[in-house]
Structures are given as C-alpha cells and as structure tokens.
C-alpha atoms as a PDB file:
ATOM      1  CA  MET A   1      43.186 -80.405  26.240  1.00  0.00           C
ATOM      2  CA  THR A   2      44.899 -79.938  22.635  1.00  0.00           C
ATOM      3  CA  THR A   3      47.965 -78.492  22.320  1.00  0.00           C
ATOM      4  CA  LEU A   4      48.619 -75.977  20.016  1.00  0.00           C
ATOM      5  CA  LYS A   5      51.698 -77.177  16.963  1.00  0.00           C
ATOM      6  CA  THR A   6      54.657 -74.836  16.733  1.00  0.00           C
ATOM      7  CA  ARG A   7      56.667 -73.961  13.430  1.00  0.00           C
ATOM      8  CA  VAL A   8      59.500 -72.852  15.765  1.00  0.00           C
ATOM      9  CA  ARG A   9      62.629 -74.331  15.240  1.00  0.00           C
ATOM     10  CA  VAL A  10      66.521 -73.705  15.386  1.00  0.00           C
ATOM     11  CA  TYR A  11      68.519 -72.609  12.628  1.00  0.00           C
ATOM     12  CA  SER A  12      72.130 -71.389  11.941  1.00  0.00           C
ATOM     13  CA  HIS A  13      74.096 -69.998   9.222  1.00  0.00           C
ATOM     14  CA  THR A  14      77.076 -71.770   7.422  1.00  0.00           C
ATOM     15  CA  LEU A  15      79.732 -69.009   9.015  1.00  0.00           C
ATOM     16  CA  LEU A  16      78.661 -70.054  12.477  1.00  0.00           C
ATOM     17  CA  HIS A  17      79.623 -73.733  11.646  1.00  0.00           C
ATOM     18  CA  GLN A  18      82.752 -75.163  12.879  1.00  0.00           C
ATOM     19  CA  SER A  19      84.252 -76.496  10.731  1.00  0.00           C
ATOM     20  CA  GLN A  20      87.418 -77.941  12.308  1.00  0.00           C
ATOM     21  CA  ASP A  21      84.687 -80.301  14.903  1.00  0.00           C
ATOM     22  CA  ARG A  22      84.053 -83.056  13.333  1.00  0.00           C
ATOM     23  CA  SER A  23      80.736 -83.705  15.428  1.00  0.00           C
ATOM     24  CA  GLY A  24      79.276 -80.835  13.093  1.00  0.00           C
ATOM     25  CA  ARG A  25      78.657 -78.517  15.711  1.00  0.00           C
ATOM     26  CA  TRP A  26      77.411 -74.980  15.428  1.00  0.00           C
ATOM     27  CA  ARG A  27      78.647 -72.195  17.057  1.00  0.00           C
ATOM     28  CA  ILE A  28      75.163 -70.174  17.491  1.00  0.00           C
ATOM     29  CA  GLY A  29      71.818 -71.419  16.875  1.00  0.00           C
ATOM     30  CA  TYR A  30      68.663 -69.020  16.737  1.00  0.00           C
ATOM     31  CA  LEU A  31      64.797 -69.657  17.503  1.00  0.00           C
ATOM     32  CA  ALA A  32      62.996 -69.155  13.955  1.00  0.00           C
ATOM     33  CA  ASP A  33      60.377 -69.589  12.224  1.00  0.00           C
ATOM     34  CA  PRO A  34      60.935 -70.909   8.585  1.00  0.00           C
ATOM     35  CA  ALA A  35      59.766 -68.692   5.928  1.00  0.00           C
ATOM     36  CA  ASP A  36      57.958 -69.559   2.745  1.00  0.00           C
ATOM     37  CA  GLN A  37      61.088 -69.144   0.578  1.00  0.00           C
ATOM     38  CA  PRO A  38      63.540 -71.959   1.257  1.00  0.00           C
ATOM     39  CA  GLY A  39      66.801 -70.612   3.028  1.00  0.00           C
ATOM     40  CA  GLN A  40      65.428 -68.085   4.749  1.00  0.00           C
ATOM     41  CA  ILE A  41      63.776 -67.671   8.378  1.00  0.00           C
ATOM     42  CA  ARG A  42      61.716 -65.057  10.533  1.00  0.00           C
ATOM     43  CA  VAL A  43      62.525 -63.970  13.477  1.00  0.00           C
ATOM     44  CA  SER A  44      61.778 -61.084  16.108  1.00  0.00           C
ATOM     45  CA  ARG A  45      63.633 -58.260  15.946  1.00  0.00           C
ATOM     46  CA  ALA A  46      65.452 -59.599  19.215  1.00  0.00           C
ATOM     47  CA  VAL A  47      66.707 -62.063  17.702  1.00  0.00           C
ATOM     48  CA  ALA A  48      67.562 -59.922  14.461  1.00  0.00           C
ATOM     49  CA  ALA A  49      69.409 -57.591  16.918  1.00  0.00           C
ATOM     50  CA  GLN A  50      71.902 -60.986  18.560  1.00  0.00           C
ATOM     51  CA  ILE A  51      72.483 -62.261  14.885  1.00  0.00           C
ATOM     52  CA  CYS A  52      74.391 -58.547  13.838  1.00  0.00           C
ATOM     53  CA  ARG A  53      75.653 -58.719  16.885  1.00  0.00           C
ATOM     54  CA  ASP A  54      77.207 -62.406  16.913  1.00  0.00           C
ATOM     55  CA  LEU A  55      78.360 -61.480  13.282  1.00  0.00           C
ATOM     56  CA  GLU A  56      80.088 -58.298  14.500  1.00  0.00           C
ATOM     57  CA  GLN A  57      82.152 -60.860  17.092  1.00  0.00           C
ATOM     58  CA  LEU A  58      82.665 -63.206  13.924  1.00  0.00           C
ATOM     59  CA  ARG A  59      84.497 -60.233  12.111  1.00  0.00           C
ATOM     60  CA  THR A  60      85.980 -58.797  15.628  1.00  0.00           C
ATOM     61  CA  GLU A  61      87.862 -62.333  16.123  1.00  0.00           C
ATOM     62  CA  ALA A  62      88.531 -62.373  12.146  1.00  0.00           C
ATOM     63  CA  ILE A  63      90.534 -59.072  12.246  1.00  0.00           C
ATOM     64  CA  ASP A  64      92.023 -60.296  16.119  1.00  0.00           C
ATOM     65  CA  ASP A  65      93.687 -63.017  13.943  1.00  0.00           C
ATOM     66  CA  ALA A  66      94.734 -61.267  10.967  1.00  0.00           C
ATOM     67  CA  MET A  67      96.539 -58.819  13.219  1.00  0.00           C
ATOM     68  CA  ALA A  68      98.691 -61.174  13.636  1.00  0.00           C
ATOM     69  CA  SER A  69     100.378 -61.196  10.004  1.00  0.00           C
ATOM     70  CA  ALA A  70      98.865 -58.013   8.822  1.00  0.00           C
ATOM     71  CA  GLU A  71     101.428 -54.794   8.431  1.00  0.00           C
ATOM     72  CA  CYS A  72      98.100 -52.781   9.514  1.00  0.00           C
ATOM     73  CA  TYR A  73      94.965 -52.798  10.890  1.00  0.00           C
ATOM     74  CA  GLU A  74      93.638 -51.531   7.667  1.00  0.00           C
ATOM     75  CA  ASP A  75      94.972 -54.968   6.041  1.00  0.00           C
ATOM     76  CA  ALA A  76      93.473 -56.800   8.854  1.00  0.00           C
ATOM     77  CA  LEU A  77      90.449 -55.134   8.082  1.00  0.00           C
ATOM     78  CA  ALA A  78      90.825 -56.112   4.235  1.00  0.00           C
ATOM     79  CA  GLN A  79      91.175 -59.596   4.969  1.00  0.00           C
ATOM     80  CA  ALA A  80      88.199 -59.842   7.241  1.00  0.00           C
ATOM     81  CA  ASP A  81      85.930 -57.898   4.621  1.00  0.00           C
ATOM     82  CA  ALA A  82      87.219 -60.625   1.781  1.00  0.00           C
ATOM     83  CA  THR A  83      85.131 -63.349   3.616  1.00  0.00           C
ATOM     84  CA  LEU A  84      82.310 -61.834   6.638  1.00  0.00           C
ATOM     85  CA  PRO A  85      79.994 -59.413   5.532  1.00  0.00           C
ATOM     86  CA  ARG A  86      78.832 -56.482   7.513  1.00  0.00           C
ATOM     87  CA  LEU A  87      75.070 -56.841   9.388  1.00  0.00           C
ATOM     88  CA  HIS A  88      73.456 -54.118  11.141  1.00  0.00           C
ATOM     89  CA  LEU A  89      69.813 -52.447  11.494  1.00  0.00           C
ATOM     90  CA  ALA A  90      69.711 -49.561  10.510  1.00  0.00           C
ATOM     91  CA  GLY A  91      66.165 -48.065  12.268  1.00  0.00           C
ATOM     92  CA  GLU A  92      64.153 -50.862  11.215  1.00  0.00           C
ATOM     93  CA  HIS A  93      65.625 -52.053   8.640  1.00  0.00           C
ATOM     94  CA  LEU A  94      68.321 -55.392   8.778  1.00  0.00           C
ATOM     95  CA  VAL A  95      71.239 -54.918   6.377  1.00  0.00           C
ATOM     96  CA  ALA A  96      73.896 -56.866   4.874  1.00  0.00           C
ATOM     97  CA  ASP A  97      76.615 -55.559   2.994  1.00  0.00           C
ATOM     98  CA  TRP A  98      78.372 -57.758   0.774  1.00  0.00           C
ATOM     99  CA  ARG A  99      80.150 -54.985  -1.376  1.00  0.00           C
ATOM    100  CA  HIS A 100      83.580 -56.442   0.174  1.00  0.00           C
ATOM    101  CA  VAL A 101      83.335 -59.868  -0.062  1.00  0.00           C
ATOM    102  CA  GLU A 102      81.622 -60.167  -3.185  1.00  0.00           C
ATOM    103  CA  GLY A 103      82.964 -56.823  -4.763  1.00  0.00           C
ATOM    104  CA  ASP A 104      80.377 -55.462  -6.274  1.00  0.00           C
ATOM    105  CA  SER A 105      78.852 -52.166  -5.059  1.00  0.00           C
ATOM    106  CA  ASP A 106      75.533 -53.000  -5.719  1.00  0.00           C
ATOM    107  CA  ALA A 107      75.434 -56.290  -2.817  1.00  0.00           C
ATOM    108  CA  LEU A 108      73.865 -54.549  -0.398  1.00  0.00           C
ATOM    109  CA  ARG A 109      70.637 -56.521   0.883  1.00  0.00           C
ATOM    110  CA  SER A 110      68.264 -55.046   2.988  1.00  0.00           C
ATOM    111  CA  THR A 111      65.000 -55.929   4.882  1.00  0.00           C
ATOM    112  CA  GLY A 112      62.082 -54.276   7.204  1.00  0.00           C
ATOM    113  CA  PRO A 113      60.024 -56.039   9.442  1.00  0.00           C
ATOM    114  CA  ASP A 114      56.455 -57.349   8.751  1.00  0.00           C
ATOM    115  CA  PRO A 115      53.144 -56.315  10.317  1.00  0.00           C
ATOM    116  CA  ASP A 116      53.771 -58.957  12.905  1.00  0.00           C
ATOM    117  CA  GLY A 117      57.256 -57.217  13.855  1.00  0.00           C
ATOM    118  CA  ARG A 118      59.553 -60.363  13.011  1.00  0.00           C
ATOM    119  CA  TYR A 119      61.834 -59.776   9.837  1.00  0.00           C
ATOM    120  CA  THR A 120      62.195 -62.500   6.734  1.00  0.00           C
ATOM    121  CA  ILE A 121      65.656 -62.897   6.165  1.00  0.00           C
ATOM    122  CA  GLY A 122      67.631 -64.379   4.131  1.00  0.00           C
ATOM    123  CA  LEU A 123      70.677 -61.893   3.061  1.00  0.00           C
ATOM    124  CA  GLY A 124      72.872 -63.717   1.689  1.00  0.00           C
ATOM    125  CA  LEU A 125      73.322 -66.344   4.418  1.00  0.00           C
ATOM    126  CA  ASP A 126      73.416 -69.564   4.159  1.00  0.00           C
ATOM    127  CA  TRP A 127      70.614 -71.047   6.998  1.00  0.00           C
ATOM    128  CA  ARG A 128      69.841 -74.331   8.105  1.00  0.00           C
ATOM    129  CA  GLN A 129      67.956 -76.022  10.305  1.00  0.00           C
ATOM    130  CA  VAL A 130      69.929 -77.730  13.313  1.00  0.00           C
ATOM    131  CA  THR A 131      69.336 -79.055  16.456  1.00  0.00           C
ATOM    132  CA  ALA A 132      69.484 -77.114  19.620  1.00  0.00           C
ATOM    133  CA  ASN A 133      71.860 -80.116  21.515  1.00  0.00           C
ATOM    134  CA  ARG A 134      74.662 -79.447  19.090  1.00  0.00           C
ATOM    135  CA  CYS A 135      74.821 -75.662  19.259  1.00  0.00           C
ATOM    136  CA  ASP A 136      77.015 -74.269  21.685  1.00  0.00           C
ATOM    137  CA  ALA A 137      74.320 -71.789  22.455  1.00  0.00           C
ATOM    138  CA  VAL A 138      70.593 -71.031  21.119  1.00  0.00           C
ATOM    139  CA  ARG A 139      69.732 -67.386  21.054  1.00  0.00           C
ATOM    140  CA  ASP A 140      66.009 -66.763  21.566  1.00  0.00           C
ATOM    141  CA  ASP A 141      63.684 -63.530  22.850  1.00  0.00           C
ATOM    142  CA  SER A 142      64.662 -64.358  26.353  1.00  0.00           C
ATOM    143  CA  THR A 143      68.578 -63.802  25.558  1.00  0.00           C
ATOM    144  CA  GLY A 144      68.147 -60.643  23.853  1.00  0.00           C
ATOM    145  CA  LEU A 145      69.309 -57.278  25.367  1.00  0.00           C
ATOM    146  CA  SER A 146      67.297 -55.600  27.997  1.00  0.00           C
ATOM    147  CA  PRO A 147      64.019 -53.165  26.812  1.00  0.00           C
ATOM    148  CA  THR A 148      66.891 -49.926  27.833  1.00  0.00           C
ATOM    149  CA  SER A 149      69.295 -51.898  26.118  1.00  0.00           C
ATOM    150  CA  ALA A 150      67.476 -52.199  22.970  1.00  0.00           C
ATOM    151  CA  ALA A 151      66.372 -49.142  22.862  1.00  0.00           C
ATOM    152  CA  TYR A 152      69.790 -47.887  22.997  1.00  0.00           C
ATOM    153  CA  GLU A 153      70.591 -49.931  20.261  1.00  0.00           C
ATOM    154  CA  ALA A 154      68.279 -48.722  18.173  1.00  0.00           C
ATOM    155  CA  TYR A 155      68.359 -44.785  18.913  1.00  0.00           C
ATOM    156  CA  ILE A 156      72.274 -45.032  18.230  1.00  0.00           C
ATOM    157  CA  GLY A 157      71.849 -47.482  14.822  1.00  0.00           C
ATOM    158  CA  CYS A 158      70.340 -43.903  13.347  1.00  0.00           C
ATOM    159  CA  PHE A 159      73.376 -42.117  13.784  1.00  0.00           C
ATOM    160  CA  SER A 160      77.204 -42.631  12.381  1.00  0.00           C
ATOM    161  CA  ASP A 161      78.645 -43.133  15.602  1.00  0.00           C
ATOM    162  CA  PRO A 162      77.374 -42.953  19.564  1.00  0.00           C
ATOM    163  CA  THR A 163      78.826 -39.041  19.968  1.00  0.00           C
ATOM    164  CA  MET A 164      76.216 -38.152  17.184  1.00  0.00           C
ATOM    165  CA  ALA A 165      73.532 -39.873  18.969  1.00  0.00           C
ATOM    166  CA  LEU A 166      74.801 -38.133  22.114  1.00  0.00           C
ATOM    167  CA  LEU A 167      74.431 -34.402  20.873  1.00  0.00           C
ATOM    168  CA  ASP A 168      71.334 -35.134  19.152  1.00  0.00           C
ATOM    169  CA  PHE A 169      69.429 -36.441  22.162  1.00  0.00           C
ATOM    170  CA  ALA A 170      71.417 -33.452  23.907  1.00  0.00           C
ATOM    171  CA  GLY A 171      70.036 -31.142  21.670  1.00  0.00           C
ATOM    172  CA  ARG A 172      66.177 -32.725  21.174  1.00  0.00           C
ATOM    173  CA  ALA A 173      66.696 -32.349  25.513  1.00  0.00           C
ATOM    174  CA  GLY A 174      67.888 -29.178  25.918  1.00  0.00           C
ATOM    175  CA  ILE A 175      70.779 -30.440  27.789  1.00  0.00           C
ATOM    176  CA  ALA A 176      74.490 -28.633  27.460  1.00  0.00           C
ATOM    177  CA  VAL A 177      76.756 -31.575  27.878  1.00  0.00           C
ATOM    178  CA  ALA A 178      80.690 -31.751  27.468  1.00  0.00           C
ATOM    179  CA  TYR A 179      81.923 -34.933  25.950  1.00  0.00           C
ATOM    180  CA  LEU A 180      85.643 -36.656  25.071  1.00  0.00           C
ATOM    181  CA  ASP A 181      84.871 -39.794  22.653  1.00  0.00           C
ATOM    182  CA  ARG A 182      88.073 -41.893  21.977  1.00  0.00           C
ATOM    183  CA  GLY A 183      88.859 -40.050  18.704  1.00  0.00           C
ATOM    184  CA  ALA A 184      88.979 -36.920  20.792  1.00  0.00           C
ATOM    185  CA  ILE A 185      91.132 -38.621  23.856  1.00  0.00           C
ATOM    186  CA  GLU A 186      93.627 -40.346  21.153  1.00  0.00           C
ATOM    187  CA  ALA A 187      93.885 -36.874  19.506  1.00  0.00           C
ATOM    188  CA  ASP A 188      94.685 -35.086  22.468  1.00  0.00           C
ATOM    189  CA  SER A 189      97.523 -38.112  23.359  1.00  0.00           C
ATOM    190  CA  ARG A 190      98.104 -41.010  21.194  1.00  0.00           C
ATOM    191  CA  PRO A 191      96.476 -43.588  19.754  1.00  0.00           C
ATOM    192  CA  LEU A 192      95.208 -46.601  21.976  1.00  0.00           C
ATOM    193  CA  THR A 193      94.978 -49.941  21.700  1.00  0.00           C
ATOM    194  CA  ASP A 194      91.564 -51.848  22.419  1.00  0.00           C
ATOM    195  CA  ASP A 195      92.942 -53.232  26.185  1.00  0.00           C
ATOM    196  CA  GLU A 196      93.839 -49.451  26.656  1.00  0.00           C
ATOM    197  CA  TRP A 197      90.730 -48.110  26.221  1.00  0.00           C
ATOM    198  CA  ASP A 198      88.938 -50.664  27.809  1.00  0.00           C
ATOM    199  CA  ARG A 199      91.128 -49.675  30.802  1.00  0.00           C
ATOM    200  CA  LEU A 200      90.148 -46.068  30.365  1.00  0.00           C
ATOM    201  CA  THR A 201      86.169 -46.154  29.420  1.00  0.00           C
ATOM    202  CA  TYR A 202      85.036 -47.355  33.223  1.00  0.00           C
ATOM    203  CA  GLN A 203      86.586 -43.894  34.833  1.00  0.00           C
ATOM    204  CA  LEU A 204      84.860 -41.526  31.485  1.00  0.00           C
ATOM    205  CA  ASP A 205      81.331 -41.333  33.212  1.00  0.00           C
ATOM    206  CA  SER A 206      83.185 -38.804  35.650  1.00  0.00           C
ATOM    207  CA  TYR A 207      83.777 -36.569  33.466  1.00  0.00           C
ATOM    208  CA  ASP A 208      80.856 -34.359  33.855  1.00  0.00           C
ATOM    209  CA  GLN A 209      81.205 -34.222  37.976  1.00  0.00           C
ATOM    210  CA  HIS A 210      84.768 -32.927  36.873  1.00  0.00           C
ATOM    211  CA  VAL A 211      83.560 -30.347  34.542  1.00  0.00           C
ATOM    212  CA  SER A 212      80.817 -29.206  37.060  1.00  0.00           C
ATOM    213  CA  ASP A 213      83.119 -28.805  39.586  1.00  0.00           C
ATOM    214  CA  SER A 214      84.799 -26.299  37.730  1.00  0.00           C
ATOM    215  CA  GLY A 215      83.279 -23.694  38.603  1.00  0.00           C
ATOM    216  CA  ASP A 216      84.741 -20.598  36.496  1.00  0.00           C
ATOM    217  CA  LEU A 217      84.488 -22.857  33.276  1.00  0.00           C
ATOM    218  CA  ASN A 218      80.630 -23.244  33.728  1.00  0.00           C
ATOM    219  CA  ALA A 219      80.157 -19.395  34.799  1.00  0.00           C
ATOM    220  CA  ALA A 220      81.901 -18.610  31.861  1.00  0.00           C
ATOM    221  CA  PHE A 221      79.702 -20.311  29.486  1.00  0.00           C
ATOM    222  CA  LEU A 222      76.689 -19.382  31.364  1.00  0.00           C
ATOM    223  CA  ASP A 223      78.119 -15.299  31.257  1.00  0.00           C
ATOM    224  CA  HIS A 224      78.316 -16.068  27.295  1.00  0.00           C
ATOM    225  CA  ILE A 225      75.462 -17.747  26.601  1.00  0.00           C
ATOM    226  CA  PHE A 226      72.962 -15.552  28.732  1.00  0.00           C
ATOM    227  CA  ALA A 227      74.784 -12.599  26.877  1.00  0.00           C
ATOM    228  CA  ALA A 228      74.236 -13.967  23.547  1.00  0.00           C
ATOM    229  CA  ALA A 229      71.047 -14.372  24.252  1.00  0.00           C
ATOM    230  CA  GLY A 230      70.202 -10.879  25.487  1.00  0.00           C
ATOM    231  CA  VAL A 231      68.786 -12.214  28.639  1.00  0.00           C
ATOM    232  CA  GLU A 232      70.098 -10.925  32.250  1.00  0.00           C
ATOM    233  CA  ARG A 233      71.315 -13.821  33.910  1.00  0.00           C
ATOM    234  CA  PHE A 234      71.216 -12.075  38.208  1.00  0.00           C
ATOM    235  CA  PRO A 235      68.089  -9.853  37.419  1.00  0.00           C
ATOM    236  CA  ASP A 236      68.734  -6.469  39.770  1.00  0.00           C
ATOM    237  CA  GLU A 237      67.705  -6.875  43.066  1.00  0.00           C
ATOM    238  CA  ASP A 238      66.749  -4.052  46.113  1.00  0.00           C
ATOM    239  CA  THR A 239      69.574  -4.104  48.516  1.00  0.00           C
ATOM    240  CA  ASP A 240      68.222  -6.438  51.536  1.00  0.00           C
ATOM    241  CA  ASN A 241      69.229  -9.448  48.885  1.00  0.00           C
ATOM    242  CA  THR A 242      72.470  -7.819  47.289  1.00  0.00           C
ATOM    243  CA  GLY A 243      73.974  -9.917  49.599  1.00  0.00           C
ATOM    244  CA  ALA A 244      72.710 -13.369  48.824  1.00  0.00           C
ATOM    245  CA  THR A 245      72.818 -12.633  45.062  1.00  0.00           C
ATOM    246  CA  ASP A 246      76.532 -11.691  45.308  1.00  0.00           C
ATOM    247  CA  ALA A 247      76.930 -15.267  46.882  1.00  0.00           C
ATOM    248  CA  HIS A 248      75.237 -16.662  44.384  1.00  0.00           C
ATOM    249  CA  ARG A 249      77.300 -14.492  41.583  1.00  0.00           C
ATOM    250  CA  THR A 250      80.874 -16.179  43.658  1.00  0.00           C
ATOM    251  CA  GLY A 251      79.116 -20.289  44.060  1.00  0.00           C
ATOM    252  CA  GLN A 252      79.639 -19.402  47.903  1.00  0.00           C
END
C-alpha cells in the first residue's frame, strides 16, 4: 500500500516566539501547507480563525500588562497597538490591521479563500516552520470551534458588535427582543471591570424570562403594535365566548 506524502507542517510566527525561553520554544504552532511564496502559509478557515483568536489573546495580555503602569485604558491600548496588529475575519476575508504599528494609514492587508476554501497568508507576520515538540500547543482543524460556534463567529464578524448582529437576526426572523448589553448596563449603573462583567454575564440569559413575566409590559407593547398596524388584537366574538376572551385579555 502506497502512503501519500503530505506537505502539511507546523508553522508559527515571531510574535508567538517565547524569546525569554532559551530553549527556543514557541507558544503556539499551526498545522499548515507551505505556500508558493516564501514566508507564507496555506491554512483552513478553522485554523485562520484560531490564528485570529490567539493574536487577540496576545493583545489582551499586552493591554493587561500595560495597565500596571498606564494612567488609563486608552494609554494601555495604545501601547499594545504600537507592537501588535489587529487580526480578524470580516465575512470571508482575513484582515490584518498594521496601521497603528507602522504609523501608516494604508497598512491594511487582507486575503480571501481560494477555490479550496483555504487562505494563503503572510499578512505581515513572519511565518517560520517549527517542530511540534517545541510548541506549547498546536492548532489544527480538530482544535477549532464547533460548527455552531464557527457560524456564530462568522455571523457577528459581519457587524460592528454582537448587539447589532442580534438586532439584525431578530429583524430577519420576525422576533421581538429586548436586550441589555454592557454599554446599556454601565450607562444605567457604573463602569464595570472585566472581572465584574464576567460575574454578571452568566445571569443575562434570564432577562427574557424577566421581561416575559412582566405581563403589563408585554400587553402594553402588543396593544401598541396592533393599533399601529390597524389589526384587531381580540376580534369580536359571540357572547358564548365572552368569558374566554376576557380571560385571555387579563391573562387569567
């Protein structure tokens, strides 16, 4: 039996090199094909998404470190922007934003998938072939998000923030929603630390039930939209059904 040779290898970029480690370790490696151009690799969308998330994690850590000496969050963000690009998937396109790093308003790089659905990427990152045993973790298709999570990431990537994605989805699906995002909550209370926000978020999914249990609130809203649409909410019924109609009106 002949074994097919594969070109798949492990690659990383210099931003993930653990320079303080003299053994030459890399924080993360990615399973990829070498591209025709030196310094570039070909990856699946699942791996491309993981490259984005890992770089975002680097940025988060850099901002947290900078906050120890920065006067405000904006100063810490500026320090991270000076050394680390922003990388994200915008729909089908993989976009690297180096504008803050290079001080050049035109320093945007992007690439789309080829007919095989794979991305050829350089994007200003210095890609190098490494060995898997020198990586703390190796990403491939199996370490990516589930199909549902991947679809979620792709969908919200088309909008400025998840709230806009929610409102678009609700509008398309014909669903009335009420929402409280972090901005709305902080506007009605106070600025929250990320730790405080994390402690609150697990309770947010009960908001729909809280609103649904407010019968007067729902009834007032339904009265308004039925009237605005010129549609009777409770059609006239004969006297035999009057009791049932009254019970429906009062929620009894």
